[in-house]
Amino acid sequence: MPQRAGNPKNGNDRVRRQPADRVTRELAWFRYSLRKFLRFSEKAARARGITPQQHQLLLGVAGHTGRESATISELAEFLQERHHGVGELVNRTIKLGLIQKSPDADDRRFVVVALTGKGRALLAKLSELHKSQLEQLRSGLLNMTALQHKNSPPQSLRRGNSRGSRSNRKKHRA
């Protein structure tokens, strides 16, 4: 809870804030970094004539299952959307010529969605655009992890570690 600082009689009524704990700072930085990446991705998709959801759909078809195709149910899971909504998204994306759907060869109850040549080419362009942004995000996450380790005591000085005790350090100096 913020505490009042200053003297309310002379108008010095500013709020003194408690410093955010490490987890809060890391979460704030992480959410900010994700939002910047997503904003970049959304703009890149729109600049190529598709919606961000269609870009996500192409990614899901190409990479979610490792088969370079996916069922509507698998795509619904990947996109965290309802089956019906994903079916509509698939139909709109088919109209653009980016994906195709066909009955599953093993079980005709399922529909399999795959990229067309046009869809593969567009996804390759978008993926290339995202390389530097992805590297920046990855680098930031690694730096955050390194800071976590930097702010914790070295292994040799942690409690219960015999190498870190004073008596053992004297023995090792001699």
C-alpha atoms as a PDB file:
ATOM      1  CA  MET A   1       0.000   0.000   0.000  1.00  0.00           C
ATOM      2  CA  PRO A   2       1.458   3.401  -0.955  1.00  0.00           C
ATOM      3  CA  GLN A   3       2.368   5.583   1.980  1.00  0.00           C
ATOM      4  CA  ARG A   4       1.896   9.337   2.133  1.00  0.00           C
ATOM      5  CA  ALA A   5       5.055  11.369   2.277  1.00  0.00           C
ATOM      6  CA  GLY A   6       5.506  15.019   2.998  1.00  0.00           C
ATOM      7  CA  ASN A   7       3.428  17.556   4.834  1.00  0.00           C
ATOM      8  CA  PRO A   8      -0.191  17.968   3.676  1.00  0.00           C
ATOM      9  CA  LYS A   9      -0.290  21.468   5.229  1.00  0.00           C
ATOM     10  CA  ASN A  10       2.302  22.855   2.804  1.00  0.00           C
ATOM     11  CA  GLY A  11       1.002  20.965  -0.256  1.00  0.00           C
ATOM     12  CA  ASN A  12       3.787  18.380  -0.231  1.00  0.00           C
ATOM     13  CA  ASP A  13       1.380  15.454  -0.467  1.00  0.00           C
ATOM     14  CA  ARG A  14       3.143  13.091  -2.885  1.00  0.00           C
ATOM     15  CA  VAL A  15       2.785   9.330  -2.611  1.00  0.00           C
ATOM     16  CA  ARG A  16       5.882   7.340  -1.675  1.00  0.00           C
ATOM     17  CA  ARG A  17       5.849   4.089  -3.615  1.00  0.00           C
ATOM     18  CA  GLN A  18       7.288   0.828  -2.432  1.00  0.00           C
ATOM     19  CA  PRO A  19       9.834  -0.633  -4.860  1.00  0.00           C
ATOM     20  CA  ALA A  20       8.381  -3.412  -7.003  1.00  0.00           C
ATOM     21  CA  ASP A  21       9.620  -6.834  -6.122  1.00  0.00           C
ATOM     22  CA  ARG A  22      11.755  -8.781  -8.590  1.00  0.00           C
ATOM     23  CA  VAL A  23       8.930 -11.022  -9.819  1.00  0.00           C
ATOM     24  CA  THR A  24       6.703  -8.039 -10.548  1.00  0.00           C
ATOM     25  CA  ARG A  25       9.484  -6.267 -12.463  1.00  0.00           C
ATOM     26  CA  GLU A  26      10.279  -9.408 -14.459  1.00  0.00           C
ATOM     27  CA  LEU A  27       6.625 -10.024 -15.239  1.00  0.00           C
ATOM     28  CA  ALA A  28       6.172  -6.405 -16.324  1.00  0.00           C
ATOM     29  CA  TRP A  29       9.243  -6.588 -18.581  1.00  0.00           C
ATOM     30  CA  PHE A  30       8.171  -9.961 -20.001  1.00  0.00           C
ATOM     31  CA  ARG A  31       4.627  -8.759 -20.776  1.00  0.00           C
ATOM     32  CA  TYR A  32       6.012  -5.571 -22.335  1.00  0.00           C
ATOM     33  CA  SER A  33       8.431  -7.540 -24.514  1.00  0.00           C
ATOM     34  CA  LEU A  34       5.718  -9.940 -25.615  1.00  0.00           C
ATOM     35  CA  ARG A  35       3.383  -7.083 -26.431  1.00  0.00           C
ATOM     36  CA  LYS A  36       6.074  -5.371 -28.544  1.00  0.00           C
ATOM     37  CA  PHE A  37       6.722  -8.635 -30.403  1.00  0.00           C
ATOM     38  CA  LEU A  38       3.007  -9.240 -30.965  1.00  0.00           C
ATOM     39  CA  ARG A  39       2.478  -5.658 -32.164  1.00  0.00           C
ATOM     40  CA  PHE A  40       5.314  -6.090 -34.666  1.00  0.00           C
ATOM     41  CA  SER A  41       3.844  -9.406 -35.800  1.00  0.00           C
ATOM     42  CA  GLU A  42       0.342  -7.953 -36.201  1.00  0.00           C
ATOM     43  CA  LYS A  43       1.659  -5.072 -38.318  1.00  0.00           C
ATOM     44  CA  ALA A  44       3.757  -7.416 -40.462  1.00  0.00           C
ATOM     45  CA  ALA A  45       0.758  -9.658 -41.166  1.00  0.00           C
ATOM     46  CA  ARG A  46      -1.493  -6.731 -42.080  1.00  0.00           C
ATOM     47  CA  ALA A  47       1.220  -5.285 -44.348  1.00  0.00           C
ATOM     48  CA  ARG A  48       1.168  -8.609 -46.256  1.00  0.00           C
ATOM     49  CA  GLY A  49      -2.613  -8.516 -46.676  1.00  0.00           C
ATOM     50  CA  ILE A  50      -3.719 -10.984 -43.997  1.00  0.00           C
ATOM     51  CA  THR A  51      -5.059 -10.669 -40.479  1.00  0.00           C
ATOM     52  CA  PRO A  52      -2.925 -11.536 -37.455  1.00  0.00           C
ATOM     53  CA  GLN A  53      -5.257 -14.497 -36.844  1.00  0.00           C
ATOM     54  CA  GLN A  54      -4.618 -15.790 -40.361  1.00  0.00           C
ATOM     55  CA  HIS A  55      -0.881 -15.510 -39.746  1.00  0.00           C
ATOM     56  CA  GLN A  56      -1.289 -17.514 -36.541  1.00  0.00           C
ATOM     57  CA  LEU A  57      -3.340 -20.062 -38.474  1.00  0.00           C
ATOM     58  CA  LEU A  58      -0.563 -20.455 -41.058  1.00  0.00           C
ATOM     59  CA  LEU A  59       1.958 -20.959 -38.255  1.00  0.00           C
ATOM     60  CA  GLY A  60      -0.292 -23.560 -36.636  1.00  0.00           C
ATOM     61  CA  VAL A  61      -0.784 -25.466 -39.877  1.00  0.00           C
ATOM     62  CA  ALA A  62       2.929 -25.426 -40.694  1.00  0.00           C
ATOM     63  CA  GLY A  63       4.442 -26.079 -37.302  1.00  0.00           C
ATOM     64  CA  HIS A  64       2.091 -27.099 -34.509  1.00  0.00           C
ATOM     65  CA  THR A  65       1.925 -30.830 -35.139  1.00  0.00           C
ATOM     66  CA  GLY A  66       5.242 -31.376 -36.921  1.00  0.00           C
ATOM     67  CA  ARG A  67       3.337 -32.871 -39.898  1.00  0.00           C
ATOM     68  CA  GLU A  68       2.960 -29.597 -41.847  1.00  0.00           C
ATOM     69  CA  SER A  69      -0.792 -30.086 -41.576  1.00  0.00           C
ATOM     70  CA  ALA A  70      -3.332 -30.071 -38.791  1.00  0.00           C
ATOM     71  CA  THR A  71      -6.929 -30.894 -38.056  1.00  0.00           C
ATOM     72  CA  ILE A  72      -9.418 -28.191 -37.131  1.00  0.00           C
ATOM     73  CA  SER A  73      -9.366 -29.497 -33.532  1.00  0.00           C
ATOM     74  CA  GLU A  74      -5.560 -29.249 -33.374  1.00  0.00           C
ATOM     75  CA  LEU A  75      -5.716 -25.721 -34.770  1.00  0.00           C
ATOM     76  CA  ALA A  76      -8.403 -24.772 -32.253  1.00  0.00           C
ATOM     77  CA  GLU A  77      -6.069 -25.898 -29.472  1.00  0.00           C
ATOM     78  CA  PHE A  78      -3.097 -24.058 -31.012  1.00  0.00           C
ATOM     79  CA  LEU A  79      -5.091 -20.843 -31.425  1.00  0.00           C
ATOM     80  CA  GLN A  80      -6.932 -21.259 -28.115  1.00  0.00           C
ATOM     81  CA  GLU A  81     -10.229 -20.676 -29.917  1.00  0.00           C
ATOM     82  CA  ARG A  82     -13.466 -22.591 -30.360  1.00  0.00           C
ATOM     83  CA  HIS A  83     -13.693 -25.245 -33.062  1.00  0.00           C
ATOM     84  CA  HIS A  84     -16.466 -23.417 -34.926  1.00  0.00           C
ATOM     85  CA  GLY A  85     -14.573 -20.115 -34.974  1.00  0.00           C
ATOM     86  CA  VAL A  86     -11.451 -21.811 -36.308  1.00  0.00           C
ATOM     87  CA  GLY A  87     -13.537 -23.481 -39.015  1.00  0.00           C
ATOM     88  CA  GLU A  88     -14.717 -20.031 -40.138  1.00  0.00           C
ATOM     89  CA  LEU A  89     -11.147 -18.688 -40.061  1.00  0.00           C
ATOM     90  CA  VAL A  90     -10.036 -21.661 -42.176  1.00  0.00           C
ATOM     91  CA  ASN A  91     -12.778 -20.954 -44.731  1.00  0.00           C
ATOM     92  CA  ARG A  92     -11.803 -17.263 -44.997  1.00  0.00           C
ATOM     93  CA  THR A  93      -8.136 -18.217 -45.413  1.00  0.00           C
ATOM     94  CA  ILE A  94      -8.991 -20.806 -48.096  1.00  0.00           C
ATOM     95  CA  LYS A  95     -10.636 -17.978 -50.098  1.00  0.00           C
ATOM     96  CA  LEU A  96      -7.236 -16.225 -50.124  1.00  0.00           C
ATOM     97  CA  GLY A  97      -5.620 -19.352 -51.561  1.00  0.00           C
ATOM     98  CA  LEU A  98      -3.246 -19.783 -48.595  1.00  0.00           C
ATOM     99  CA  ILE A  99      -4.496 -23.130 -47.274  1.00  0.00           C
ATOM    100  CA  GLN A 100      -6.543 -26.094 -48.430  1.00  0.00           C
ATOM    101  CA  LYS A 101      -8.555 -28.645 -46.568  1.00  0.00           C
ATOM    102  CA  SER A 102      -9.302 -32.255 -47.324  1.00  0.00           C
ATOM    103  CA  PRO A 103     -10.772 -35.245 -45.510  1.00  0.00           C
ATOM    104  CA  ASP A 104      -8.277 -37.212 -43.395  1.00  0.00           C
ATOM    105  CA  ALA A 105      -7.116 -40.300 -45.307  1.00  0.00           C
ATOM    106  CA  ASP A 106      -7.428 -42.536 -42.228  1.00  0.00           C
ATOM    107  CA  ASP A 107     -10.589 -41.113 -40.675  1.00  0.00           C
ATOM    108  CA  ARG A 108     -13.020 -39.254 -42.918  1.00  0.00           C
ATOM    109  CA  ARG A 109     -14.651 -37.600 -39.888  1.00  0.00           C
ATOM    110  CA  PHE A 110     -11.636 -35.296 -39.624  1.00  0.00           C
ATOM    111  CA  VAL A 111     -10.631 -32.485 -41.954  1.00  0.00           C
ATOM    112  CA  VAL A 112      -6.930 -31.884 -42.522  1.00  0.00           C
ATOM    113  CA  VAL A 113      -5.689 -28.386 -43.293  1.00  0.00           C
ATOM    114  CA  ALA A 114      -2.436 -27.847 -45.209  1.00  0.00           C
ATOM    115  CA  LEU A 115      -0.638 -24.857 -46.708  1.00  0.00           C
ATOM    116  CA  THR A 116      -0.750 -24.178 -50.425  1.00  0.00           C
ATOM    117  CA  GLY A 117       2.363 -23.033 -52.277  1.00  0.00           C
ATOM    118  CA  LYS A 118       1.138 -19.452 -51.932  1.00  0.00           C
ATOM    119  CA  GLY A 119       0.636 -19.966 -48.182  1.00  0.00           C
ATOM    120  CA  ARG A 120       4.121 -21.465 -47.754  1.00  0.00           C
ATOM    121  CA  ALA A 121       5.693 -18.549 -49.639  1.00  0.00           C
ATOM    122  CA  LEU A 122       3.841 -15.953 -47.551  1.00  0.00           C
ATOM    123  CA  LEU A 123       4.683 -17.714 -44.286  1.00  0.00           C
ATOM    124  CA  ALA A 124       8.356 -17.897 -45.308  1.00  0.00           C
ATOM    125  CA  LYS A 125       8.391 -14.115 -45.931  1.00  0.00           C
ATOM    126  CA  LEU A 126       6.702 -13.392 -42.603  1.00  0.00           C
ATOM    127  CA  SER A 127       9.022 -15.773 -40.748  1.00  0.00           C
ATOM    128  CA  GLU A 128      12.057 -14.064 -42.269  1.00  0.00           C
ATOM    129  CA  LEU A 129      10.723 -10.676 -41.126  1.00  0.00           C
ATOM    130  CA  HIS A 130      10.308 -12.035 -37.596  1.00  0.00           C
ATOM    131  CA  LYS A 131      13.870 -13.373 -37.228  1.00  0.00           C
ATOM    132  CA  SER A 132      15.410 -10.214 -35.768  1.00  0.00           C
ATOM    133  CA  GLN A 133      12.419  -9.548 -33.506  1.00  0.00           C
ATOM    134  CA  LEU A 134      12.517 -13.111 -32.239  1.00  0.00           C
ATOM    135  CA  GLU A 135      16.249 -12.812 -31.582  1.00  0.00           C
ATOM    136  CA  GLN A 136      15.692  -9.608 -29.594  1.00  0.00           C
ATOM    137  CA  LEU A 137      13.019 -11.324 -27.510  1.00  0.00           C
ATOM    138  CA  ARG A 138      15.227 -14.373 -26.967  1.00  0.00           C
ATOM    139  CA  SER A 139      18.197 -12.182 -26.014  1.00  0.00           C
ATOM    140  CA  GLY A 140      16.087 -10.220 -23.544  1.00  0.00           C
ATOM    141  CA  LEU A 141      14.831 -13.411 -21.923  1.00  0.00           C
ATOM    142  CA  LEU A 142      18.379 -14.722 -21.610  1.00  0.00           C
ATOM    143  CA  ASN A 143      19.520 -11.427 -20.088  1.00  0.00           C
ATOM    144  CA  MET A 144      16.660 -11.577 -17.608  1.00  0.00           C
ATOM    145  CA  THR A 145      17.677 -15.118 -16.648  1.00  0.00           C
ATOM    146  CA  ALA A 146      21.312 -14.041 -16.314  1.00  0.00           C
ATOM    147  CA  LEU A 147      20.274 -11.196 -14.011  1.00  0.00           C
ATOM    148  CA  GLN A 148      18.386 -13.657 -11.837  1.00  0.00           C
ATOM    149  CA  HIS A 149      21.551 -15.694 -11.421  1.00  0.00           C
ATOM    150  CA  LYS A 150      23.695 -12.581 -10.942  1.00  0.00           C
ATOM    151  CA  ASN A 151      21.482 -11.384  -8.093  1.00  0.00           C
ATOM    152  CA  SER A 152      21.628 -14.702  -6.270  1.00  0.00           C
ATOM    153  CA  PRO A 153      24.684 -15.668  -4.244  1.00  0.00           C
ATOM    154  CA  PRO A 154      27.303 -17.816  -5.974  1.00  0.00           C
ATOM    155  CA  GLN A 155      26.957 -21.547  -5.407  1.00  0.00           C
ATOM    156  CA  SER A 156      30.090 -21.582  -3.257  1.00  0.00           C
ATOM    157  CA  LEU A 157      28.609 -19.091  -0.771  1.00  0.00           C
ATOM    158  CA  ARG A 158      25.158 -20.639  -0.358  1.00  0.00           C
ATOM    159  CA  ARG A 159      24.233 -22.233   2.940  1.00  0.00           C
ATOM    160  CA  GLY A 160      24.966 -25.888   3.291  1.00  0.00           C
ATOM    161  CA  ASN A 161      27.800 -25.811   0.797  1.00  0.00           C
ATOM    162  CA  SER A 162      30.952 -27.004   2.517  1.00  0.00           C
ATOM    163  CA  ARG A 163      33.231 -25.191   0.047  1.00  0.00           C
ATOM    164  CA  GLY A 164      31.720 -21.866   1.105  1.00  0.00           C
ATOM    165  CA  SER A 165      32.367 -22.162   4.826  1.00  0.00           C
ATOM    166  CA  ARG A 166      35.053 -19.954   6.349  1.00  0.00           C
ATOM    167  CA  SER A 167      37.039 -22.803   7.785  1.00  0.00           C
ATOM    168  CA  ASN A 168      37.199 -24.584   4.444  1.00  0.00           C
ATOM    169  CA  ARG A 169      38.242 -21.412   2.594  1.00  0.00           C
ATOM    170  CA  LYS A 170      41.204 -21.028   4.976  1.00  0.00           C
ATOM    171  CA  LYS A 171      42.234 -24.620   4.294  1.00  0.00           C
ATOM    172  CA  HIS A 172      42.096 -24.067   0.517  1.00  0.00           C
ATOM    173  CA  ARG A 173      44.284 -20.911   0.714  1.00  0.00           C
ATOM    174  CA  ALA A 174      47.214 -22.663   2.306  1.00  0.00           C
END
